[in-house]
Amino acid sequence: RETLQAYEYLCHIEEAKEWIEAILEIDMGPTTQVETELKNGVYLAKLAKSFEPNIVKKIFEAPNLQYRHTDNIYFFLAFLRKIGLPEVFYFETIDLYESKNMPRVIYCIHALGHYLFDKGQAPALRNLLGKIDFTSDELDEKQRQLDEAGTLLPEFSTV
């Protein structure tokens, strides 16, 4: 199928979403909106704060504080450094803030999930490949976005 890549990627987004939701005890909305929800760094800063409260000074949530949203992302990346997640899994701030490489962000969340699970500090990410469905419109739209961005999907199975 032409949308197999989109299907796999949407599954990985849903896996990351469920993992974040379990830790933060929140609802992030539909899978197709997760990338948009992550852009301001709020959920990632909250995730960092839940494990390392001293890393996150303040979470900037207000939409009119767009210029401060990069601070949220910075706090998350500082958290990754503090806990020792290998840098090969990190993303660049613009990958998220400007949506330059969202698959890299989702890959980083997966790596973090596996890393913290191995340390006994977080639940495991579920493997949802073949276990969830998306509409043909959702698959077509995500495939269009992936094609437009021209970014290769990371090899999630190697995390």
Foldseek 3Di string as FASTA:
>chain_A
DLLPVLLQLLLLLVLLQVQLCVQVVDHPDDSLCSLVSPQLLQSLLVVLCSVPVVLRPDRDDDPVVSVCSLVSVVSNVVSCVVVPQDPVLDDDNCCRNVVLPVLSVSLSSQSVQVVCVVVVNGDHRDRCVVPDDDDPVSSVVSSVVCVVSVDDHDPSVVD
